[in-house]
Amino acid sequence: MEYKFIADDMLGKLAKWMRVMGCDVEYFPNISDRELAERAYTNGRIILTRDTLLIRRKKVRNNHFFIRSDDYNEQLQEVIKRFSLNPFAGFLTRCLLCNEPLQNIEKEQAAAHVPPYVYETRHSFKTCPSCKRIYWEATHKDRMQEHLEAILTDKNYL
């Protein structure tokens, strides 16, 4: 099952790492509780929150997952466990800024937007259709994957 989420303004790092995993997670750092509840209700999104006042709202009561930890690593563990997510199924397939699914582009289309060394040494590129950010595989991908694996193999993860 493909879940769609919206994270409250206290969960920015969680939202980013869920996007790294390929999850559809809306995040707005300055959204009001009313707006967040309305967006979730209208767009069929599950609210991820640490806000005890938010979960008392009528439109939120049966459509939220309350995150217990303050630590984003543990928050990620909570969400993965609760929703039985495969953390690598959609690894790096979404824009980390916009949440849009990335699209493949021809190497030539990336030429003017990436450093010359990157253009010469990389063969595949992706772009965000919304913000136009260009993505390519490099050492940061390996570091992100290692970090995610470390989170999941943490002794406290069940």
C-alpha atoms as a PDB file:
ATOM      1  CA  MET A   1       0.000   0.000   0.000  1.00  0.00           C
ATOM      2  CA  GLU A   2       1.249   3.472  -0.927  1.00  0.00           C
ATOM      3  CA  TYR A   3       0.753   5.822   1.981  1.00  0.00           C
ATOM      4  CA  LYS A   4       0.584   9.582   1.666  1.00  0.00           C
ATOM      5  CA  PHE A   5       1.708  11.588   4.671  1.00  0.00           C
ATOM      6  CA  ILE A   6       1.862  15.162   5.899  1.00  0.00           C
ATOM      7  CA  ALA A   7       4.281  16.028   8.704  1.00  0.00           C
ATOM      8  CA  ASP A   8       3.702  18.791  11.211  1.00  0.00           C
ATOM      9  CA  ASP A   9       6.195  21.633  11.565  1.00  0.00           C
ATOM     10  CA  MET A  10       8.121  19.823  14.344  1.00  0.00           C
ATOM     11  CA  LEU A  11       9.085  16.943  12.042  1.00  0.00           C
ATOM     12  CA  GLY A  12      11.180  18.473   9.253  1.00  0.00           C
ATOM     13  CA  LYS A  13      14.089  16.019   9.532  1.00  0.00           C
ATOM     14  CA  LEU A  14      11.705  13.078   9.628  1.00  0.00           C
ATOM     15  CA  ALA A  15       9.973  14.372   6.480  1.00  0.00           C
ATOM     16  CA  LYS A  16      13.324  14.730   4.694  1.00  0.00           C
ATOM     17  CA  TRP A  17      14.453  11.192   5.561  1.00  0.00           C
ATOM     18  CA  MET A  18      11.103   9.746   4.590  1.00  0.00           C
ATOM     19  CA  ARG A  19      11.519  11.482   1.221  1.00  0.00           C
ATOM     20  CA  VAL A  20      14.994   9.929   0.979  1.00  0.00           C
ATOM     21  CA  MET A  21      13.206   6.572   1.317  1.00  0.00           C
ATOM     22  CA  GLY A  22      10.794   7.574  -1.461  1.00  0.00           C
ATOM     23  CA  CYS A  23       7.759   8.245   0.739  1.00  0.00           C
ATOM     24  CA  ASP A  24       5.217  10.864  -0.312  1.00  0.00           C
ATOM     25  CA  VAL A  25       5.474  13.342   2.586  1.00  0.00           C
ATOM     26  CA  GLU A  26       4.238  16.906   2.461  1.00  0.00           C
ATOM     27  CA  TYR A  27       5.964  19.278   4.869  1.00  0.00           C
ATOM     28  CA  PHE A  28       5.397  22.975   5.397  1.00  0.00           C
ATOM     29  CA  PRO A  29       7.517  24.561   8.147  1.00  0.00           C
ATOM     30  CA  ASN A  30       5.040  27.360   8.895  1.00  0.00           C
ATOM     31  CA  ILE A  31       1.659  25.713   8.419  1.00  0.00           C
ATOM     32  CA  SER A  32      -1.070  26.226  11.010  1.00  0.00           C
ATOM     33  CA  ASP A  33      -2.726  23.244  12.668  1.00  0.00           C
ATOM     34  CA  ARG A  34      -6.000  24.131  10.948  1.00  0.00           C
ATOM     35  CA  GLU A  35      -4.352  24.232   7.501  1.00  0.00           C
ATOM     36  CA  LEU A  36      -2.469  20.988   8.137  1.00  0.00           C
ATOM     37  CA  ALA A  37      -5.645  19.198   9.242  1.00  0.00           C
ATOM     38  CA  GLU A  38      -7.549  20.510   6.216  1.00  0.00           C
ATOM     39  CA  ARG A  39      -4.787  19.493   3.748  1.00  0.00           C
ATOM     40  CA  ALA A  40      -4.632  16.009   5.259  1.00  0.00           C
ATOM     41  CA  TYR A  41      -8.411  15.620   5.161  1.00  0.00           C
ATOM     42  CA  THR A  42      -8.772  16.971   1.605  1.00  0.00           C
ATOM     43  CA  ASN A  43      -5.811  15.076   0.117  1.00  0.00           C
ATOM     44  CA  GLY A  44      -6.124  11.769   1.980  1.00  0.00           C
ATOM     45  CA  ARG A  45      -2.869  12.155   3.907  1.00  0.00           C
ATOM     46  CA  ILE A  46      -1.952  10.633   7.252  1.00  0.00           C
ATOM     47  CA  ILE A  47      -0.749  13.260   9.706  1.00  0.00           C
ATOM     48  CA  LEU A  48       2.581  12.612  11.403  1.00  0.00           C
ATOM     49  CA  THR A  49       2.729  14.731  14.529  1.00  0.00           C
ATOM     50  CA  ARG A  50       4.173  15.323  17.982  1.00  0.00           C
ATOM     51  CA  ASP A  51       1.512  17.934  18.773  1.00  0.00           C
ATOM     52  CA  THR A  52      -0.937  16.763  21.450  1.00  0.00           C
ATOM     53  CA  LEU A  53      -3.294  19.680  20.763  1.00  0.00           C
ATOM     54  CA  LEU A  54      -3.425  18.889  17.036  1.00  0.00           C
ATOM     55  CA  ILE A  55      -4.599  15.310  17.595  1.00  0.00           C
ATOM     56  CA  ARG A  56      -7.648  16.594  19.505  1.00  0.00           C
ATOM     57  CA  ARG A  57      -9.056  18.273  16.401  1.00  0.00           C
ATOM     58  CA  LYS A  58     -12.107  16.553  14.906  1.00  0.00           C
ATOM     59  CA  LYS A  59     -10.590  16.092  11.413  1.00  0.00           C
ATOM     60  CA  VAL A  60      -7.401  14.655  12.906  1.00  0.00           C
ATOM     61  CA  ARG A  61      -8.689  12.191  15.505  1.00  0.00           C
ATOM     62  CA  ASN A  62      -8.783   9.117  13.275  1.00  0.00           C
ATOM     63  CA  ASN A  63      -6.133  10.199  10.809  1.00  0.00           C
ATOM     64  CA  HIS A  64      -2.834  10.611  12.570  1.00  0.00           C
ATOM     65  CA  PHE A  65       0.200   8.807  13.879  1.00  0.00           C
ATOM     66  CA  PHE A  66       1.626  10.303  17.048  1.00  0.00           C
ATOM     67  CA  ILE A  67       5.429  10.301  17.040  1.00  0.00           C
ATOM     68  CA  ARG A  68       6.813   9.676  20.521  1.00  0.00           C
ATOM     69  CA  SER A  69      10.528  10.360  20.137  1.00  0.00           C
ATOM     70  CA  ASP A  70      12.340  13.685  19.862  1.00  0.00           C
ATOM     71  CA  ASP A  71      15.154  12.049  17.859  1.00  0.00           C
ATOM     72  CA  TYR A  72      14.596  11.839  14.099  1.00  0.00           C
ATOM     73  CA  ASN A  73      16.390   8.477  13.882  1.00  0.00           C
ATOM     74  CA  GLU A  74      13.942   6.987  16.366  1.00  0.00           C
ATOM     75  CA  GLN A  75      11.050   8.804  14.686  1.00  0.00           C
ATOM     76  CA  LEU A  76      11.992   7.139  11.409  1.00  0.00           C
ATOM     77  CA  GLN A  77      12.104   3.759  13.144  1.00  0.00           C
ATOM     78  CA  GLU A  78       8.621   4.384  14.603  1.00  0.00           C
ATOM     79  CA  VAL A  79       7.105   5.223  11.206  1.00  0.00           C
ATOM     80  CA  ILE A  80       8.820   2.372   9.361  1.00  0.00           C
ATOM     81  CA  LYS A  81       7.597  -0.107  11.956  1.00  0.00           C
ATOM     82  CA  ARG A  82       4.043   1.258  12.238  1.00  0.00           C
ATOM     83  CA  PHE A  83       3.422   1.356   8.475  1.00  0.00           C
ATOM     84  CA  SER A  84       5.631  -1.626   7.521  1.00  0.00           C
ATOM     85  CA  LEU A  85       7.610   0.513   5.082  1.00  0.00           C
ATOM     86  CA  ASN A  86      10.447  -0.852   2.995  1.00  0.00           C
ATOM     87  CA  PRO A  87      13.069   1.879   3.495  1.00  0.00           C
ATOM     88  CA  PHE A  88      14.915   1.099   0.263  1.00  0.00           C
ATOM     89  CA  ALA A  89      12.035   0.384  -2.145  1.00  0.00           C
ATOM     90  CA  GLY A  90      11.900   3.964  -3.430  1.00  0.00           C
ATOM     91  CA  PHE A  91      15.308   5.158  -2.277  1.00  0.00           C
ATOM     92  CA  LEU A  92      16.113   8.610  -3.708  1.00  0.00           C
ATOM     93  CA  THR A  93      13.179   8.734  -6.121  1.00  0.00           C
ATOM     94  CA  ARG A  94      11.639  11.977  -4.756  1.00  0.00           C
ATOM     95  CA  CYS A  95      12.827  15.551  -4.603  1.00  0.00           C
ATOM     96  CA  LEU A  96      14.059  16.204  -1.081  1.00  0.00           C
ATOM     97  CA  LEU A  97      12.773  19.781  -1.282  1.00  0.00           C
ATOM     98  CA  CYS A  98       9.482  19.536  -3.186  1.00  0.00           C
ATOM     99  CA  ASN A  99       8.424  15.934  -2.584  1.00  0.00           C
ATOM    100  CA  GLU A 100       7.770  15.446  -6.312  1.00  0.00           C
ATOM    101  CA  PRO A 101       8.765  12.150  -7.983  1.00  0.00           C
ATOM    102  CA  LEU A 102      12.017  12.615  -9.890  1.00  0.00           C
ATOM    103  CA  GLN A 103      12.132  12.205 -13.658  1.00  0.00           C
ATOM    104  CA  ASN A 104      14.997  10.908 -15.786  1.00  0.00           C
ATOM    105  CA  ILE A 105      16.542  13.430 -18.158  1.00  0.00           C
ATOM    106  CA  GLU A 106      19.073  13.142 -20.934  1.00  0.00           C
ATOM    107  CA  LYS A 107      22.651  13.878 -19.948  1.00  0.00           C
ATOM    108  CA  GLU A 108      22.777  16.795 -22.385  1.00  0.00           C
ATOM    109  CA  GLN A 109      19.853  18.476 -20.586  1.00  0.00           C
ATOM    110  CA  ALA A 110      21.883  18.528 -17.348  1.00  0.00           C
ATOM    111  CA  ALA A 111      25.043  19.997 -18.905  1.00  0.00           C
ATOM    112  CA  ALA A 112      24.315  23.649 -18.120  1.00  0.00           C
ATOM    113  CA  HIS A 113      23.111  22.877 -14.600  1.00  0.00           C
ATOM    114  CA  VAL A 114      25.865  20.694 -13.113  1.00  0.00           C
ATOM    115  CA  PRO A 115      29.606  21.218 -12.540  1.00  0.00           C
ATOM    116  CA  PRO A 116      31.795  20.180 -15.511  1.00  0.00           C
ATOM    117  CA  TYR A 117      33.422  17.347 -13.543  1.00  0.00           C
ATOM    118  CA  VAL A 118      30.001  15.906 -12.683  1.00  0.00           C
ATOM    119  CA  TYR A 119      28.921  16.129 -16.306  1.00  0.00           C
ATOM    120  CA  GLU A 120      32.069  14.316 -17.439  1.00  0.00           C
ATOM    121  CA  THR A 121      31.965  11.557 -14.827  1.00  0.00           C
ATOM    122  CA  ARG A 122      28.239  10.814 -14.441  1.00  0.00           C
ATOM    123  CA  HIS A 123      25.981   9.259 -17.024  1.00  0.00           C
ATOM    124  CA  SER A 124      22.490   9.478 -15.567  1.00  0.00           C
ATOM    125  CA  PHE A 125      20.635  12.457 -14.204  1.00  0.00           C
ATOM    126  CA  LYS A 126      17.191  13.107 -12.752  1.00  0.00           C
ATOM    127  CA  THR A 127      15.268  16.298 -12.226  1.00  0.00           C
ATOM    128  CA  CYS A 128      12.407  17.549 -10.132  1.00  0.00           C
ATOM    129  CA  PRO A 129       9.554  18.676 -12.399  1.00  0.00           C
ATOM    130  CA  SER A 130       8.581  21.330  -9.856  1.00  0.00           C
ATOM    131  CA  CYS A 131      11.771  23.065  -8.647  1.00  0.00           C
ATOM    132  CA  LYS A 132      13.981  21.881 -11.557  1.00  0.00           C
ATOM    133  CA  ARG A 133      16.739  20.727  -9.174  1.00  0.00           C
ATOM    134  CA  ILE A 134      19.111  18.226 -10.819  1.00  0.00           C
ATOM    135  CA  TYR A 135      20.107  14.994  -9.077  1.00  0.00           C
ATOM    136  CA  TRP A 136      22.865  12.493  -9.853  1.00  0.00           C
ATOM    137  CA  GLU A 137      24.467   9.540  -8.114  1.00  0.00           C
ATOM    138  CA  ALA A 138      27.590  10.373  -6.121  1.00  0.00           C
ATOM    139  CA  THR A 139      29.167   9.600  -2.762  1.00  0.00           C
ATOM    140  CA  HIS A 140      26.328  11.341  -0.913  1.00  0.00           C
ATOM    141  CA  LYS A 141      24.023   8.520  -2.044  1.00  0.00           C
ATOM    142  CA  ASP A 142      26.277   5.954  -0.395  1.00  0.00           C
ATOM    143  CA  ARG A 143      26.487   8.040   2.798  1.00  0.00           C
ATOM    144  CA  MET A 144      22.702   8.412   2.932  1.00  0.00           C
ATOM    145  CA  GLN A 145      22.217   4.690   2.400  1.00  0.00           C
ATOM    146  CA  GLU A 146      24.783   3.877   5.106  1.00  0.00           C
ATOM    147  CA  HIS A 147      23.086   6.307   7.499  1.00  0.00           C
ATOM    148  CA  LEU A 148      19.680   4.754   6.843  1.00  0.00           C
ATOM    149  CA  GLU A 149      21.099   1.257   7.343  1.00  0.00           C
ATOM    150  CA  ALA A 150      22.685   2.397  10.625  1.00  0.00           C
ATOM    151  CA  ILE A 151      19.322   3.765  11.806  1.00  0.00           C
ATOM    152  CA  LEU A 152      17.650   0.471  11.003  1.00  0.00           C
ATOM    153  CA  THR A 153      20.300  -1.690  12.652  1.00  0.00           C
ATOM    154  CA  ASP A 154      20.315   0.402  15.823  1.00  0.00           C
ATOM    155  CA  LYS A 155      20.033  -1.913  18.832  1.00  0.00           C
ATOM    156  CA  ASN A 156      16.788  -0.215  19.889  1.00  0.00           C
ATOM    157  CA  TYR A 157      15.051  -0.840  16.565  1.00  0.00           C
ATOM    158  CA  LEU A 158      12.614  -3.732  16.727  1.00  0.00           C
END
